[in-house]
Amino acid sequence: MQRIFDHVLEDTMKQDHTPILSYTIHYPEFTTDCNQQAAEKINRYYEQQARTLEEYCRNKLFQDAVSELEFDEKNHFPAITYEVLVEYAVTFNQRCITSLFTDQYMFTGGAHGTTIRRGDTWDFQNGSRIPVSAFYPPGADFRSCILKVVNAQIRERLKKMPGTYFDDYEKLTDENWNARDFYVTPDGLVVFFQQYEVAPYSTGMPQFFLPFEKRGRRKGCSDC
């Protein structure tokens, strides 16, 4: 099991005393008894991601916010504050494996902001990501297995709540499925799609649970 420490980069930036950009970027730091060099490699990844985003906020996004303020003042519109919020949640942390997802929310005006989710599952013995294929038997068509379960769950959800997914969802799940978009829980995998990929914004972040099936000492995903 890894020990996890939270770090945060944050600031509220102003133009002529008017707040126009606020960012809060959380990122994890890990220590481990498995391989600390591997943990340091993973830590560098998250820190670099966070600082790159902060640089983007302080430069490009801030300039966009300044232009927005000038436009709003010229047209007598109320000023808006751009917002960036990055948060993560650890969903699995046992032995030398840790899984988590990170949500990056950004608001730059309009009816609502947008969220991008990223999933990571790490092996702290070597500092590498564990792919979704590792949770299926060797040679299994895991992509078809996953989409079969996803489409079945969407059908059931539509029976209860019509309109919560696009009509051509089977085509969209096939086109938009990304092998990186998953995370691990103690009981199974959760695969997800980004906003608007398979469902309207009101549905939220579409997620689908694929339970583990115990096969002796081996654990893999069922329905394959």
C-alpha atoms as a PDB file:
ATOM      1  CA  MET A   1       0.000   0.000   0.000  1.00  0.00           C
ATOM      2  CA  GLN A   2       1.204   3.468  -0.890  1.00  0.00           C
ATOM      3  CA  ARG A   3       1.053   6.525   1.346  1.00  0.00           C
ATOM      4  CA  ILE A   4      -0.468   9.525  -0.389  1.00  0.00           C
ATOM      5  CA  PHE A   5       0.125  13.211   0.314  1.00  0.00           C
ATOM      6  CA  ASP A   6      -1.869  15.988  -1.295  1.00  0.00           C
ATOM      7  CA  HIS A   7      -0.264  19.038  -2.899  1.00  0.00           C
ATOM      8  CA  VAL A   8      -2.095  22.063  -4.245  1.00  0.00           C
ATOM      9  CA  LEU A   9      -1.249  24.974  -6.532  1.00  0.00           C
ATOM     10  CA  GLU A  10      -3.750  27.800  -6.293  1.00  0.00           C
ATOM     11  CA  ASP A  11      -4.204  31.477  -6.943  1.00  0.00           C
ATOM     12  CA  THR A  12      -6.827  34.082  -7.761  1.00  0.00           C
ATOM     13  CA  MET A  13      -5.556  36.430 -10.451  1.00  0.00           C
ATOM     14  CA  LYS A  14      -6.893  39.960 -10.906  1.00  0.00           C
ATOM     15  CA  GLN A  15      -6.960  42.684 -13.509  1.00  0.00           C
ATOM     16  CA  ASP A  16      -7.494  46.198 -12.133  1.00  0.00           C
ATOM     17  CA  HIS A  17      -8.570  44.698  -8.799  1.00  0.00           C
ATOM     18  CA  THR A  18     -11.206  42.524 -10.512  1.00  0.00           C
ATOM     19  CA  PRO A  19     -10.830  38.743 -10.006  1.00  0.00           C
ATOM     20  CA  ILE A  20     -10.849  37.185 -13.465  1.00  0.00           C
ATOM     21  CA  LEU A  21      -9.173  33.802 -12.990  1.00  0.00           C
ATOM     22  CA  SER A  22      -9.117  31.349 -10.112  1.00  0.00           C
ATOM     23  CA  TYR A  23      -7.284  28.027 -10.228  1.00  0.00           C
ATOM     24  CA  THR A  24      -6.894  25.215  -7.725  1.00  0.00           C
ATOM     25  CA  ILE A  25      -4.810  22.252  -8.844  1.00  0.00           C
ATOM     26  CA  HIS A  26      -4.505  19.240  -6.561  1.00  0.00           C
ATOM     27  CA  TYR A  27      -1.956  16.522  -7.297  1.00  0.00           C
ATOM     28  CA  PRO A  28      -0.680  13.525  -5.314  1.00  0.00           C
ATOM     29  CA  GLU A  29       2.722  12.557  -3.984  1.00  0.00           C
ATOM     30  CA  PHE A  30       3.389   8.909  -3.155  1.00  0.00           C
ATOM     31  CA  THR A  31       5.756   7.042  -0.891  1.00  0.00           C
ATOM     32  CA  THR A  32       5.957   3.266  -0.986  1.00  0.00           C
ATOM     33  CA  ASP A  33       7.730   0.238   0.416  1.00  0.00           C
ATOM     34  CA  CYS A  34       7.631  -1.410  -3.019  1.00  0.00           C
ATOM     35  CA  ASN A  35      10.114   0.679  -5.000  1.00  0.00           C
ATOM     36  CA  GLN A  36      10.646   4.294  -4.009  1.00  0.00           C
ATOM     37  CA  GLN A  37      12.419   5.082  -7.284  1.00  0.00           C
ATOM     38  CA  ALA A  38       9.261   3.998  -9.093  1.00  0.00           C
ATOM     39  CA  ALA A  39       7.218   6.235  -6.807  1.00  0.00           C
ATOM     40  CA  GLU A  40       9.488   9.185  -7.550  1.00  0.00           C
ATOM     41  CA  LYS A  41       8.997   8.609 -11.276  1.00  0.00           C
ATOM     42  CA  ILE A  42       5.222   8.697 -10.805  1.00  0.00           C
ATOM     43  CA  ASN A  43       5.506  11.753  -8.552  1.00  0.00           C
ATOM     44  CA  ARG A  44       7.447  13.628 -11.228  1.00  0.00           C
ATOM     45  CA  TYR A  45       4.703  12.869 -13.719  1.00  0.00           C
ATOM     46  CA  TYR A  46       1.953  14.352 -11.549  1.00  0.00           C
ATOM     47  CA  GLU A  47       4.000  17.368 -10.518  1.00  0.00           C
ATOM     48  CA  GLN A  48       4.922  18.125 -14.117  1.00  0.00           C
ATOM     49  CA  GLN A  49       1.286  17.840 -15.182  1.00  0.00           C
ATOM     50  CA  ALA A  50       0.227  20.216 -12.410  1.00  0.00           C
ATOM     51  CA  ARG A  51       2.921  22.818 -13.073  1.00  0.00           C
ATOM     52  CA  THR A  52       2.328  22.726 -16.830  1.00  0.00           C
ATOM     53  CA  LEU A  53      -1.350  23.430 -16.240  1.00  0.00           C
ATOM     54  CA  GLU A  54      -0.496  26.208 -13.789  1.00  0.00           C
ATOM     55  CA  GLU A  55       1.757  27.824 -16.385  1.00  0.00           C
ATOM     56  CA  TYR A  56      -1.075  27.619 -18.916  1.00  0.00           C
ATOM     57  CA  CYS A  57      -3.428  29.275 -16.430  1.00  0.00           C
ATOM     58  CA  ARG A  58      -1.030  32.081 -15.573  1.00  0.00           C
ATOM     59  CA  ASN A  59      -0.230  32.878 -19.185  1.00  0.00           C
ATOM     60  CA  LYS A  60      -2.620  31.848 -21.957  1.00  0.00           C
ATOM     61  CA  LEU A  61      -5.789  31.503 -19.883  1.00  0.00           C
ATOM     62  CA  PHE A  62      -5.142  34.724 -17.963  1.00  0.00           C
ATOM     63  CA  GLN A  63      -4.722  36.660 -21.206  1.00  0.00           C
ATOM     64  CA  ASP A  64      -7.981  35.151 -22.468  1.00  0.00           C
ATOM     65  CA  ALA A  65      -9.655  36.268 -19.240  1.00  0.00           C
ATOM     66  CA  VAL A  66      -8.285  39.804 -19.678  1.00  0.00           C
ATOM     67  CA  SER A  67      -9.740  39.935 -23.189  1.00  0.00           C
ATOM     68  CA  GLU A  68     -13.048  38.659 -21.833  1.00  0.00           C
ATOM     69  CA  LEU A  69     -13.079  41.383 -19.160  1.00  0.00           C
ATOM     70  CA  GLU A  70     -12.385  44.102 -21.722  1.00  0.00           C
ATOM     71  CA  PHE A  71     -15.210  42.810 -23.911  1.00  0.00           C
ATOM     72  CA  ASP A  72     -17.611  42.612 -20.981  1.00  0.00           C
ATOM     73  CA  GLU A  73     -16.799  46.132 -19.808  1.00  0.00           C
ATOM     74  CA  LYS A  74     -17.148  47.546 -23.309  1.00  0.00           C
ATOM     75  CA  ASN A  75     -20.566  45.934 -23.724  1.00  0.00           C
ATOM     76  CA  HIS A  76     -21.734  46.564 -20.153  1.00  0.00           C
ATOM     77  CA  PHE A  77     -21.876  42.865 -19.327  1.00  0.00           C
ATOM     78  CA  PRO A  78     -21.166  41.563 -15.816  1.00  0.00           C
ATOM     79  CA  ALA A  79     -17.603  40.370 -15.377  1.00  0.00           C
ATOM     80  CA  ILE A  80     -17.067  36.633 -15.122  1.00  0.00           C
ATOM     81  CA  THR A  81     -14.296  34.738 -13.383  1.00  0.00           C
ATOM     82  CA  TYR A  82     -12.599  31.930 -15.263  1.00  0.00           C
ATOM     83  CA  GLU A  83     -12.149  28.880 -13.081  1.00  0.00           C
ATOM     84  CA  VAL A  84      -9.917  25.812 -13.170  1.00  0.00           C
ATOM     85  CA  LEU A  85     -10.255  23.047 -10.603  1.00  0.00           C
ATOM     86  CA  VAL A  86      -8.304  19.793 -10.607  1.00  0.00           C
ATOM     87  CA  GLU A  87      -9.138  17.082  -8.079  1.00  0.00           C
ATOM     88  CA  TYR A  88      -8.270  13.402  -7.854  1.00  0.00           C
ATOM     89  CA  ALA A  89      -9.742  10.397  -6.080  1.00  0.00           C
ATOM     90  CA  VAL A  90      -7.856   7.230  -5.151  1.00  0.00           C
ATOM     91  CA  THR A  91     -10.080   4.222  -5.852  1.00  0.00           C
ATOM     92  CA  PHE A  92      -7.690   1.327  -5.177  1.00  0.00           C
ATOM     93  CA  ASN A  93      -4.546   1.165  -3.044  1.00  0.00           C
ATOM     94  CA  GLN A  94      -3.342  -2.329  -2.147  1.00  0.00           C
ATOM     95  CA  ARG A  95       0.091  -3.902  -2.123  1.00  0.00           C
ATOM     96  CA  CYS A  96       2.049  -2.316  -4.997  1.00  0.00           C
ATOM     97  CA  ILE A  97      -0.919  -1.138  -7.063  1.00  0.00           C
ATOM     98  CA  THR A  98      -2.682   2.210  -6.848  1.00  0.00           C
ATOM     99  CA  SER A  99      -5.505   3.385  -9.083  1.00  0.00           C
ATOM    100  CA  LEU A 100      -7.013   6.849  -9.235  1.00  0.00           C
ATOM    101  CA  PHE A 101      -8.843   9.243 -11.496  1.00  0.00           C
ATOM    102  CA  THR A 102      -8.299  12.961 -11.955  1.00  0.00           C
ATOM    103  CA  ASP A 103     -11.012  15.433 -12.948  1.00  0.00           C
ATOM    104  CA  GLN A 104     -10.028  18.713 -14.584  1.00  0.00           C
ATOM    105  CA  TYR A 105     -12.888  21.214 -14.564  1.00  0.00           C
ATOM    106  CA  MET A 106     -12.657  24.429 -16.550  1.00  0.00           C
ATOM    107  CA  PHE A 107     -15.138  27.295 -16.790  1.00  0.00           C
ATOM    108  CA  THR A 108     -14.552  30.086 -19.306  1.00  0.00           C
ATOM    109  CA  GLY A 109     -18.068  31.444 -19.624  1.00  0.00           C
ATOM    110  CA  GLY A 110     -21.259  30.062 -21.085  1.00  0.00           C
ATOM    111  CA  ALA A 111     -23.938  27.971 -19.449  1.00  0.00           C
ATOM    112  CA  HIS A 112     -21.526  25.644 -17.667  1.00  0.00           C
ATOM    113  CA  GLY A 113     -17.953  24.449 -17.512  1.00  0.00           C
ATOM    114  CA  THR A 114     -16.475  21.232 -18.861  1.00  0.00           C
ATOM    115  CA  THR A 115     -14.745  18.369 -17.090  1.00  0.00           C
ATOM    116  CA  ILE A 116     -12.093  16.050 -18.507  1.00  0.00           C
ATOM    117  CA  ARG A 117     -11.403  12.847 -16.604  1.00  0.00           C
ATOM    118  CA  ARG A 118      -8.153  10.882 -16.696  1.00  0.00           C
ATOM    119  CA  GLY A 119      -7.661   7.440 -15.192  1.00  0.00           C
ATOM    120  CA  ASP A 120      -4.324   5.997 -14.031  1.00  0.00           C
ATOM    121  CA  THR A 121      -3.490   2.597 -12.556  1.00  0.00           C
ATOM    122  CA  TRP A 122       0.124   2.284 -11.425  1.00  0.00           C
ATOM    123  CA  ASP A 123       2.491  -0.555 -10.620  1.00  0.00           C
ATOM    124  CA  PHE A 124       4.787   0.745  -7.896  1.00  0.00           C
ATOM    125  CA  GLN A 125       7.291  -2.042  -8.485  1.00  0.00           C
ATOM    126  CA  ASN A 126       8.421  -0.481 -11.763  1.00  0.00           C
ATOM    127  CA  GLY A 127       6.605   2.864 -12.074  1.00  0.00           C
ATOM    128  CA  SER A 128       4.599   1.872 -15.138  1.00  0.00           C
ATOM    129  CA  ARG A 129       0.888   2.028 -15.879  1.00  0.00           C
ATOM    130  CA  ILE A 130      -1.120  -1.170 -15.768  1.00  0.00           C
ATOM    131  CA  PRO A 131      -3.214  -1.475 -18.955  1.00  0.00           C
ATOM    132  CA  VAL A 132      -6.833  -2.563 -18.960  1.00  0.00           C
ATOM    133  CA  SER A 133      -5.817  -5.710 -20.856  1.00  0.00           C
ATOM    134  CA  ALA A 134      -4.030  -6.947 -17.711  1.00  0.00           C
ATOM    135  CA  PHE A 135      -7.428  -7.606 -16.122  1.00  0.00           C
ATOM    136  CA  TYR A 136      -8.471 -10.077 -18.834  1.00  0.00           C
ATOM    137  CA  PRO A 137      -7.173 -13.518 -19.825  1.00  0.00           C
ATOM    138  CA  PRO A 138      -4.257 -13.503 -22.288  1.00  0.00           C
ATOM    139  CA  GLY A 139      -5.499 -13.249 -25.851  1.00  0.00           C
ATOM    140  CA  ALA A 140      -9.003 -12.160 -24.858  1.00  0.00           C
ATOM    141  CA  ASP A 141     -10.773  -9.597 -27.021  1.00  0.00           C
ATOM    142  CA  PHE A 142     -11.093  -7.283 -24.035  1.00  0.00           C
ATOM    143  CA  ARG A 143     -12.296  -4.363 -26.130  1.00  0.00           C
ATOM    144  CA  SER A 144     -15.333  -6.303 -27.327  1.00  0.00           C
ATOM    145  CA  CYS A 145     -15.905  -7.602 -23.794  1.00  0.00           C
ATOM    146  CA  ILE A 146     -15.949  -4.096 -22.375  1.00  0.00           C
ATOM    147  CA  LEU A 147     -18.193  -2.611 -25.056  1.00  0.00           C
ATOM    148  CA  LYS A 148     -20.630  -5.518 -24.724  1.00  0.00           C
ATOM    149  CA  VAL A 149     -21.086  -4.748 -21.018  1.00  0.00           C
ATOM    150  CA  VAL A 150     -21.196  -0.985 -21.585  1.00  0.00           C
ATOM    151  CA  ASN A 151     -23.881  -1.205 -24.263  1.00  0.00           C
ATOM    152  CA  ALA A 152     -25.955  -3.604 -22.167  1.00  0.00           C
ATOM    153  CA  GLN A 153     -25.830  -1.202 -19.221  1.00  0.00           C
ATOM    154  CA  ILE A 154     -26.823   1.731 -21.423  1.00  0.00           C
ATOM    155  CA  ARG A 155     -29.833  -0.208 -22.721  1.00  0.00           C
ATOM    156  CA  GLU A 156     -30.968  -0.861 -19.157  1.00  0.00           C
ATOM    157  CA  ARG A 157     -30.477   2.769 -18.162  1.00  0.00           C
ATOM    158  CA  LEU A 158     -32.486   3.976 -21.155  1.00  0.00           C
ATOM    159  CA  LYS A 159     -35.399   1.772 -20.135  1.00  0.00           C
ATOM    160  CA  LYS A 160     -35.534   3.576 -16.804  1.00  0.00           C
ATOM    161  CA  MET A 161     -34.511   7.050 -17.983  1.00  0.00           C
ATOM    162  CA  PRO A 162     -35.154   7.636 -21.710  1.00  0.00           C
ATOM    163  CA  GLY A 163     -33.046  10.295 -23.379  1.00  0.00           C
ATOM    164  CA  THR A 164     -30.081  10.002 -21.040  1.00  0.00           C
ATOM    165  CA  TYR A 165     -27.878   8.588 -23.840  1.00  0.00           C
ATOM    166  CA  PHE A 166     -27.723   9.426 -27.533  1.00  0.00           C
ATOM    167  CA  ASP A 167     -29.785   7.218 -29.854  1.00  0.00           C
ATOM    168  CA  ASP A 168     -26.711   5.952 -31.732  1.00  0.00           C
ATOM    169  CA  TYR A 169     -24.872   5.052 -28.518  1.00  0.00           C
ATOM    170  CA  GLU A 170     -23.527   1.728 -29.855  1.00  0.00           C
ATOM    171  CA  LYS A 171     -21.775   3.553 -32.697  1.00  0.00           C
ATOM    172  CA  LEU A 172     -20.526   6.232 -30.309  1.00  0.00           C
ATOM    173  CA  THR A 173     -19.166   3.825 -27.694  1.00  0.00           C
ATOM    174  CA  ASP A 174     -17.274   2.026 -30.452  1.00  0.00           C
ATOM    175  CA  GLU A 175     -15.843   5.270 -31.858  1.00  0.00           C
ATOM    176  CA  ASN A 176     -14.983   6.945 -28.558  1.00  0.00           C
ATOM    177  CA  TRP A 177     -13.839   4.115 -26.301  1.00  0.00           C
ATOM    178  CA  ASN A 178     -10.340   4.819 -25.007  1.00  0.00           C
ATOM    179  CA  ALA A 179      -8.330   2.050 -23.353  1.00  0.00           C
ATOM    180  CA  ARG A 180      -6.833   4.617 -20.946  1.00  0.00           C
ATOM    181  CA  ASP A 181     -10.227   5.706 -19.619  1.00  0.00           C
ATOM    182  CA  PHE A 182     -10.677   3.359 -16.682  1.00  0.00           C
ATOM    183  CA  TYR A 183      -9.817   2.949 -13.031  1.00  0.00           C
ATOM    184  CA  VAL A 184      -9.799   0.056 -10.579  1.00  0.00           C
ATOM    185  CA  THR A 185     -11.865  -0.532  -7.454  1.00  0.00           C
ATOM    186  CA  PRO A 186     -11.599  -3.468  -5.022  1.00  0.00           C
ATOM    187  CA  ASP A 187     -14.572  -5.147  -6.744  1.00  0.00           C
ATOM    188  CA  GLY A 188     -13.994  -4.412 -10.409  1.00  0.00           C
ATOM    189  CA  LEU A 189     -13.119  -1.970 -13.141  1.00  0.00           C
ATOM    190  CA  VAL A 190     -14.914   1.259 -13.911  1.00  0.00           C
ATOM    191  CA  VAL A 191     -14.683   2.423 -17.513  1.00  0.00           C
ATOM    192  CA  PHE A 192     -15.854   5.887 -18.439  1.00  0.00           C
ATOM    193  CA  PHE A 193     -16.449   8.170 -21.381  1.00  0.00           C
ATOM    194  CA  GLN A 194     -15.859  11.894 -21.589  1.00  0.00           C
ATOM    195  CA  GLN A 195     -18.701  14.395 -21.524  1.00  0.00           C
ATOM    196  CA  TYR A 196     -20.734  14.541 -24.753  1.00  0.00           C
ATOM    197  CA  GLU A 197     -19.107  11.416 -26.220  1.00  0.00           C
ATOM    198  CA  VAL A 198     -22.068   9.085 -25.689  1.00  0.00           C
ATOM    199  CA  ALA A 199     -24.571  11.157 -23.705  1.00  0.00           C
ATOM    200  CA  PRO A 200     -25.810  14.736 -23.235  1.00  0.00           C
ATOM    201  CA  TYR A 201     -24.193  16.982 -20.636  1.00  0.00           C
ATOM    202  CA  SER A 202     -27.081  16.466 -18.216  1.00  0.00           C
ATOM    203  CA  THR A 203     -26.164  12.779 -17.873  1.00  0.00           C
ATOM    204  CA  GLY A 204     -22.842  13.683 -16.304  1.00  0.00           C
ATOM    205  CA  MET A 205     -19.713  11.585 -16.710  1.00  0.00           C
ATOM    206  CA  PRO A 206     -20.898   8.204 -18.082  1.00  0.00           C
ATOM    207  CA  GLN A 207     -19.377   5.392 -16.003  1.00  0.00           C
ATOM    208  CA  PHE A 208     -19.794   1.630 -16.222  1.00  0.00           C
ATOM    209  CA  PHE A 209     -18.872  -0.957 -13.603  1.00  0.00           C
ATOM    210  CA  LEU A 210     -17.347  -4.276 -14.712  1.00  0.00           C
ATOM    211  CA  PRO A 211     -17.115  -6.680 -11.750  1.00  0.00           C
ATOM    212  CA  PHE A 212     -14.151  -8.920 -11.124  1.00  0.00           C
ATOM    213  CA  GLU A 213     -14.638 -12.653 -11.374  1.00  0.00           C
ATOM    214  CA  LYS A 214     -12.508 -14.793  -9.067  1.00  0.00           C
ATOM    215  CA  ARG A 215     -10.859 -17.680 -10.858  1.00  0.00           C
ATOM    216  CA  GLY A 216      -8.958 -19.538  -8.184  1.00  0.00           C
ATOM    217  CA  ARG A 217      -6.092 -17.285  -7.208  1.00  0.00           C
ATOM    218  CA  ARG A 218      -6.532 -15.210 -10.334  1.00  0.00           C
ATOM    219  CA  LYS A 219      -8.804 -12.207 -10.567  1.00  0.00           C
ATOM    220  CA  GLY A 220     -10.126 -10.991 -13.880  1.00  0.00           C
ATOM    221  CA  CYS A 221     -13.178  -9.380 -15.354  1.00  0.00           C
ATOM    222  CA  SER A 222     -16.318 -11.388 -15.971  1.00  0.00           C
ATOM    223  CA  ASP A 223     -18.504 -11.351 -19.093  1.00  0.00           C
ATOM    224  CA  CYS A 224     -15.570 -12.114 -21.354  1.00  0.00           C
END
